[in-house]
Amino acid sequence: GQWRYVTGEAQPEDKEALNVTNECLRNIGFTDDDNKTIFDVVHAILYLGNVDFDEKDDVASLEEDAVTNLQKSAELFGIDADSMMEAIMTKKLVIGSKTIEKPQ
């Protein structure tokens, strides 16, 4: 995919660098499952970086394709997409003993 946080095109040496990285992680005790988790988190962050917001009347909303990127990110993080969207799109203010939620 095209990632906002990554510039340039994939290079032939990237695959070898990934293999070396995985081997180094194994050498220091990471399992293949650990490596998958690490790369899932990186992948989730890349999807999250592609989430675009609109603002109308001081209220933020997600652009159409942002929902898909957010859902993919949540899946890779292993969390509920609706909960993640609510956390990103809602501001919580704690004033004394009261909590007020309002749109970002």
N, C-alpha and C. Protein backbone atom coordinates (compact mmCIF):
# COMPACT_ATOMS: atom_id res chain seq x y z
N GLY A 1 0.81 -1.19 0.00
CA GLY A 1 0.00 0.00 0.00
C GLY A 1 0.86 1.25 0.00
N GLN A 2 0.22 2.35 -0.23
CA GLN A 2 0.88 3.65 -0.21
C GLN A 2 0.73 4.23 1.18
N TRP A 3 1.83 4.44 1.84
CA TRP A 3 1.79 4.91 3.23
C TRP A 3 2.30 6.34 3.30
N ARG A 4 1.55 7.18 3.99
CA ARG A 4 1.95 8.58 4.17
C ARG A 4 3.29 8.68 4.90
N TYR A 5 3.52 7.76 5.86
CA TYR A 5 4.74 7.83 6.67
C TYR A 5 5.97 7.26 5.96
N VAL A 6 5.78 6.66 4.78
CA VAL A 6 6.89 6.03 4.07
C VAL A 6 7.01 6.68 2.71
N THR A 7 8.20 7.15 2.39
CA THR A 7 8.39 7.78 1.09
C THR A 7 9.20 6.85 0.20
N GLY A 8 9.05 7.04 -1.09
CA GLY A 8 9.82 6.25 -2.05
C GLY A 8 9.16 4.91 -2.34
N GLU A 9 9.71 4.21 -3.29
CA GLU A 9 9.20 2.91 -3.70
C GLU A 9 9.99 1.80 -3.03
N ALA A 10 9.37 0.64 -2.93
CA ALA A 10 10.07 -0.53 -2.38
C ALA A 10 11.28 -0.84 -3.27
N GLN A 11 12.36 -1.23 -2.64
CA GLN A 11 13.59 -1.55 -3.35
C GLN A 11 13.86 -3.06 -3.22
N PRO A 12 14.57 -3.64 -4.19
CA PRO A 12 14.86 -5.07 -4.10
C PRO A 12 15.57 -5.46 -2.81
N GLU A 13 16.41 -4.59 -2.29
CA GLU A 13 17.15 -4.91 -1.06
C GLU A 13 16.28 -4.85 0.20
N ASP A 14 15.06 -4.29 0.08
CA ASP A 14 14.17 -4.21 1.24
C ASP A 14 13.79 -5.59 1.75
N LYS A 15 13.55 -6.53 0.85
CA LYS A 15 13.18 -7.89 1.27
C LYS A 15 14.32 -8.52 2.04
N GLU A 16 15.54 -8.35 1.57
CA GLU A 16 16.70 -8.90 2.28
C GLU A 16 16.87 -8.23 3.64
N ALA A 17 16.65 -6.92 3.69
CA ALA A 17 16.76 -6.20 4.97
C ALA A 17 15.71 -6.71 5.96
N LEU A 18 14.52 -7.00 5.47
CA LEU A 18 13.47 -7.56 6.34
C LEU A 18 13.89 -8.94 6.85
N ASN A 19 14.44 -9.75 5.99
CA ASN A 19 14.92 -11.08 6.42
C ASN A 19 16.01 -10.96 7.48
N VAL A 20 16.93 -10.04 7.29
CA VAL A 20 18.00 -9.83 8.27
C VAL A 20 17.41 -9.35 9.59
N THR A 21 16.45 -8.44 9.53
CA THR A 21 15.79 -7.94 10.75
C THR A 21 15.12 -9.09 11.50
N ASN A 22 14.36 -9.92 10.78
CA ASN A 22 13.70 -11.07 11.41
C ASN A 22 14.73 -12.02 12.04
N GLU A 23 15.82 -12.25 11.34
CA GLU A 23 16.86 -13.14 11.87
C GLU A 23 17.49 -12.56 13.13
N CYS A 24 17.76 -11.26 13.11
CA CYS A 24 18.33 -10.61 14.30
C CYS A 24 17.38 -10.69 15.48
N LEU A 25 16.10 -10.48 15.24
CA LEU A 25 15.11 -10.57 16.31
C LEU A 25 15.06 -12.00 16.87
N ARG A 26 15.14 -13.00 15.99
CA ARG A 26 15.18 -14.40 16.47
C ARG A 26 16.43 -14.65 17.30
N ASN A 27 17.55 -14.07 16.88
CA ASN A 27 18.82 -14.28 17.60
C ASN A 27 18.79 -13.72 19.01
N ILE A 28 17.96 -12.70 19.25
CA ILE A 28 17.89 -12.15 20.60
C ILE A 28 16.69 -12.70 21.38
N GLY A 29 16.05 -13.72 20.83
CA GLY A 29 15.03 -14.44 21.58
C GLY A 29 13.58 -14.20 21.19
N PHE A 30 13.36 -13.40 20.17
CA PHE A 30 11.98 -13.18 19.72
C PHE A 30 11.52 -14.38 18.90
N THR A 31 10.29 -14.81 19.12
CA THR A 31 9.72 -15.91 18.34
C THR A 31 9.13 -15.35 17.05
N ASP A 32 8.76 -16.25 16.14
CA ASP A 32 8.10 -15.81 14.91
C ASP A 32 6.78 -15.11 15.24
N ASP A 33 6.08 -15.58 16.27
CA ASP A 33 4.84 -14.91 16.70
C ASP A 33 5.13 -13.50 17.21
N ASP A 34 6.23 -13.35 17.96
CA ASP A 34 6.63 -12.01 18.43
C ASP A 34 6.90 -11.09 17.24
N ASN A 35 7.62 -11.61 16.27
CA ASN A 35 7.94 -10.80 15.08
C ASN A 35 6.67 -10.39 14.35
N LYS A 36 5.73 -11.33 14.21
CA LYS A 36 4.46 -11.01 13.55
C LYS A 36 3.74 -9.90 14.31
N THR A 37 3.74 -9.98 15.62
CA THR A 37 3.08 -8.95 16.43
C THR A 37 3.74 -7.59 16.22
N ILE A 38 5.06 -7.56 16.22
CA ILE A 38 5.79 -6.31 15.98
C ILE A 38 5.41 -5.71 14.64
N PHE A 39 5.41 -6.53 13.59
CA PHE A 39 5.11 -6.01 12.27
C PHE A 39 3.62 -5.68 12.10
N ASP A 40 2.74 -6.38 12.82
CA ASP A 40 1.32 -6.00 12.82
C ASP A 40 1.13 -4.62 13.42
N VAL A 41 1.85 -4.33 14.51
CA VAL A 41 1.75 -3.01 15.14
C VAL A 41 2.27 -1.92 14.19
N VAL A 42 3.39 -2.18 13.54
CA VAL A 42 3.93 -1.22 12.57
C VAL A 42 2.92 -1.00 11.45
N HIS A 43 2.36 -2.09 10.94
CA HIS A 43 1.37 -2.01 9.87
C HIS A 43 0.14 -1.22 10.33
N ALA A 44 -0.30 -1.45 11.56
CA ALA A 44 -1.45 -0.73 12.11
C ALA A 44 -1.17 0.77 12.18
N ILE A 45 0.04 1.13 12.59
CA ILE A 45 0.43 2.54 12.67
C ILE A 45 0.44 3.17 11.27
N LEU A 46 0.90 2.42 10.28
CA LEU A 46 0.90 2.94 8.91
C LEU A 46 -0.53 3.19 8.43
N TYR A 47 -1.45 2.26 8.71
CA TYR A 47 -2.86 2.49 8.35
C TYR A 47 -3.41 3.70 9.09
N LEU A 48 -3.10 3.81 10.38
CA LEU A 48 -3.60 4.93 11.17
C LEU A 48 -3.06 6.26 10.63
N GLY A 49 -1.84 6.24 10.13
CA GLY A 49 -1.25 7.45 9.55
C GLY A 49 -1.94 7.90 8.28
N ASN A 50 -2.69 7.00 7.65
CA ASN A 50 -3.42 7.35 6.43
C ASN A 50 -4.85 7.79 6.71
N VAL A 51 -5.22 7.93 7.98
CA VAL A 51 -6.57 8.38 8.34
C VAL A 51 -6.62 9.90 8.21
N ASP A 52 -7.56 10.36 7.40
CA ASP A 52 -7.73 11.80 7.18
C ASP A 52 -9.01 12.28 7.85
N PHE A 53 -8.95 13.48 8.36
CA PHE A 53 -10.08 14.08 9.07
C PHE A 53 -10.56 15.31 8.32
N ASP A 54 -11.85 15.58 8.43
CA ASP A 54 -12.46 16.82 7.96
C ASP A 54 -12.91 17.59 9.19
N GLU A 55 -13.03 18.89 9.07
CA GLU A 55 -13.55 19.69 10.17
C GLU A 55 -14.60 20.64 9.63
N LYS A 56 -15.79 20.53 10.20
CA LYS A 56 -16.88 21.43 9.83
C LYS A 56 -17.50 21.95 11.11
N ASP A 57 -17.63 23.24 11.23
CA ASP A 57 -18.22 23.87 12.41
C ASP A 57 -17.56 23.38 13.70
N ASP A 58 -16.23 23.32 13.69
CA ASP A 58 -15.44 22.90 14.85
C ASP A 58 -15.70 21.47 15.30
N VAL A 59 -16.25 20.63 14.43
CA VAL A 59 -16.46 19.22 14.74
C VAL A 59 -15.72 18.39 13.70
N ALA A 60 -14.88 17.49 14.18
CA ALA A 60 -14.09 16.64 13.28
C ALA A 60 -14.93 15.47 12.81
N SER A 61 -14.67 15.04 11.58
CA SER A 61 -15.29 13.84 11.04
C SER A 61 -14.23 13.13 10.21
N LEU A 62 -14.47 11.86 9.95
CA LEU A 62 -13.53 11.08 9.15
C LEU A 62 -13.89 11.18 7.68
N GLU A 63 -12.88 11.29 6.81
CA GLU A 63 -13.14 11.21 5.38
C GLU A 63 -13.53 9.78 5.04
N GLU A 64 -14.15 9.58 3.88
CA GLU A 64 -14.70 8.27 3.52
C GLU A 64 -13.68 7.14 3.61
N ASP A 65 -12.53 7.29 2.97
CA ASP A 65 -11.55 6.21 2.98
C ASP A 65 -10.87 6.04 4.33
N ALA A 66 -11.03 7.04 5.19
CA ALA A 66 -10.41 6.98 6.51
C ALA A 66 -11.02 5.86 7.35
N VAL A 67 -12.30 5.61 7.18
CA VAL A 67 -12.97 4.56 7.96
C VAL A 67 -12.34 3.21 7.66
N THR A 68 -12.07 2.93 6.40
CA THR A 68 -11.43 1.66 6.02
C THR A 68 -10.05 1.55 6.63
N ASN A 69 -9.26 2.62 6.57
CA ASN A 69 -7.92 2.60 7.16
C ASN A 69 -7.99 2.42 8.67
N LEU A 70 -8.95 3.07 9.30
CA LEU A 70 -9.10 2.94 10.74
C LEU A 70 -9.51 1.52 11.13
N GLN A 71 -10.41 0.92 10.35
CA GLN A 71 -10.85 -0.46 10.62
C GLN A 71 -9.69 -1.44 10.48
N LYS A 72 -8.87 -1.26 9.45
CA LYS A 72 -7.72 -2.15 9.25
C LYS A 72 -6.71 -1.97 10.39
N SER A 73 -6.52 -0.72 10.81
CA SER A 73 -5.61 -0.44 11.91
C SER A 73 -6.10 -1.11 13.19
N ALA A 74 -7.37 -0.96 13.49
CA ALA A 74 -7.95 -1.55 14.71
C ALA A 74 -7.82 -3.07 14.68
N GLU A 75 -8.08 -3.67 13.54
CA GLU A 75 -7.96 -5.12 13.41
C GLU A 75 -6.53 -5.58 13.72
N LEU A 76 -5.55 -4.86 13.19
CA LEU A 76 -4.15 -5.23 13.43
C LEU A 76 -3.75 -4.99 14.88
N PHE A 77 -4.32 -3.96 15.52
CA PHE A 77 -4.07 -3.72 16.94
C PHE A 77 -4.82 -4.72 17.81
N GLY A 78 -5.82 -5.40 17.23
CA GLY A 78 -6.60 -6.37 17.97
C GLY A 78 -7.65 -5.72 18.86
N ILE A 79 -8.16 -4.57 18.41
CA ILE A 79 -9.18 -3.87 19.19
C ILE A 79 -10.41 -3.62 18.32
N ASP A 80 -11.52 -3.29 18.96
CA ASP A 80 -12.77 -3.02 18.28
C ASP A 80 -12.68 -1.69 17.52
N ALA A 81 -13.03 -1.72 16.24
CA ALA A 81 -12.91 -0.52 15.39
C ALA A 81 -13.83 0.60 15.87
N ASP A 82 -15.04 0.26 16.31
CA ASP A 82 -15.96 1.30 16.78
C ASP A 82 -15.42 1.98 18.03
N SER A 83 -14.84 1.20 18.94
CA SER A 83 -14.26 1.77 20.16
C SER A 83 -13.08 2.68 19.82
N MET A 84 -12.27 2.24 18.85
CA MET A 84 -11.12 3.05 18.45
C MET A 84 -11.59 4.36 17.81
N MET A 85 -12.62 4.26 16.97
CA MET A 85 -13.14 5.46 16.33
C MET A 85 -13.71 6.42 17.38
N GLU A 86 -14.43 5.88 18.35
CA GLU A 86 -14.98 6.73 19.40
C GLU A 86 -13.86 7.41 20.20
N ALA A 87 -12.80 6.66 20.49
CA ALA A 87 -11.69 7.23 21.26
C ALA A 87 -11.00 8.36 20.48
N ILE A 88 -10.90 8.20 19.19
CA ILE A 88 -10.23 9.21 18.36
C ILE A 88 -11.13 10.43 18.15
N MET A 89 -12.43 10.19 18.03
CA MET A 89 -13.35 11.25 17.65
C MET A 89 -14.04 11.95 18.83
N THR A 90 -13.76 11.50 20.05
CA THR A 90 -14.44 12.07 21.22
C THR A 90 -13.42 12.65 22.19
N LYS A 91 -13.74 13.83 22.69
CA LYS A 91 -12.91 14.48 23.70
C LYS A 91 -13.59 14.30 25.04
N LYS A 92 -12.83 13.85 26.03
CA LYS A 92 -13.38 13.71 27.39
C LYS A 92 -12.76 14.78 28.27
N LEU A 93 -13.62 15.53 28.90
CA LEU A 93 -13.18 16.56 29.84
C LEU A 93 -13.61 16.13 31.24
N VAL A 94 -12.67 16.11 32.18
CA VAL A 94 -12.98 15.79 33.56
C VAL A 94 -12.89 17.08 34.35
N ILE A 95 -14.02 17.47 34.90
CA ILE A 95 -14.10 18.69 35.68
C ILE A 95 -14.65 18.32 37.05
N GLY A 96 -13.79 18.38 38.04
CA GLY A 96 -14.20 17.93 39.37
C GLY A 96 -14.53 16.45 39.34
N SER A 97 -15.73 16.11 39.69
CA SER A 97 -16.13 14.71 39.67
C SER A 97 -16.98 14.36 38.45
N LYS A 98 -17.10 15.32 37.52
CA LYS A 98 -17.92 15.10 36.32
C LYS A 98 -17.04 14.87 35.11
N THR A 99 -17.49 13.96 34.25
CA THR A 99 -16.83 13.71 32.97
C THR A 99 -17.78 14.12 31.86
N ILE A 100 -17.29 14.97 30.99
CA ILE A 100 -18.09 15.46 29.86
C ILE A 100 -17.45 14.94 28.57
N GLU A 101 -18.27 14.31 27.75
CA GLU A 101 -17.78 13.84 26.44
C GLU A 101 -18.38 14.73 25.36
N LYS A 102 -17.53 15.11 24.42
CA LYS A 102 -18.03 15.90 23.29
C LYS A 102 -17.19 15.60 22.06
N PRO A 103 -17.74 15.86 20.89
CA PRO A 103 -16.98 15.59 19.66
C PRO A 103 -15.71 16.43 19.60
N GLN A 104 -14.67 15.85 18.98
CA GLN A 104 -13.42 16.59 18.80
C GLN A 104 -13.64 17.73 17.85
